[in-house]
């Protein structure tokens, strides 16, 4: 049963991991290990370890995110699009709130604030 969600989860995880991997690859391109000075080499190593630990923490946070949260985020736009397709050409509807004001200050919310 749960196999049907595997592609969606892999896609969601991949989308969240891509920026982390890109950041790490950019840092590897810029990192210098040929410093002649011990202090400069030590500082470079500390920066590298710091960035690596930060990326690992972010990566772990992505992996510890509940599957239900990721599925809700990936499946919601698909469901929203299918609902729009079903209701699309029939209603026409109005934008905004029930009264058609769109929630501006002239609408119902503005009247309540003025009454206080």
Foldseek 3Di string as FASTA:
>chain_A
DCVVCVVLLVVLLCVQLVVLVVVLVVVVVVQDCPDPDPVVNVVSVVVNVVSVVVSVVSNVVSVPPDPVVSCCVRCVVVVVVVVCVVCPPPDPDAAADPVRPNPDLVDPVVVVVVVD
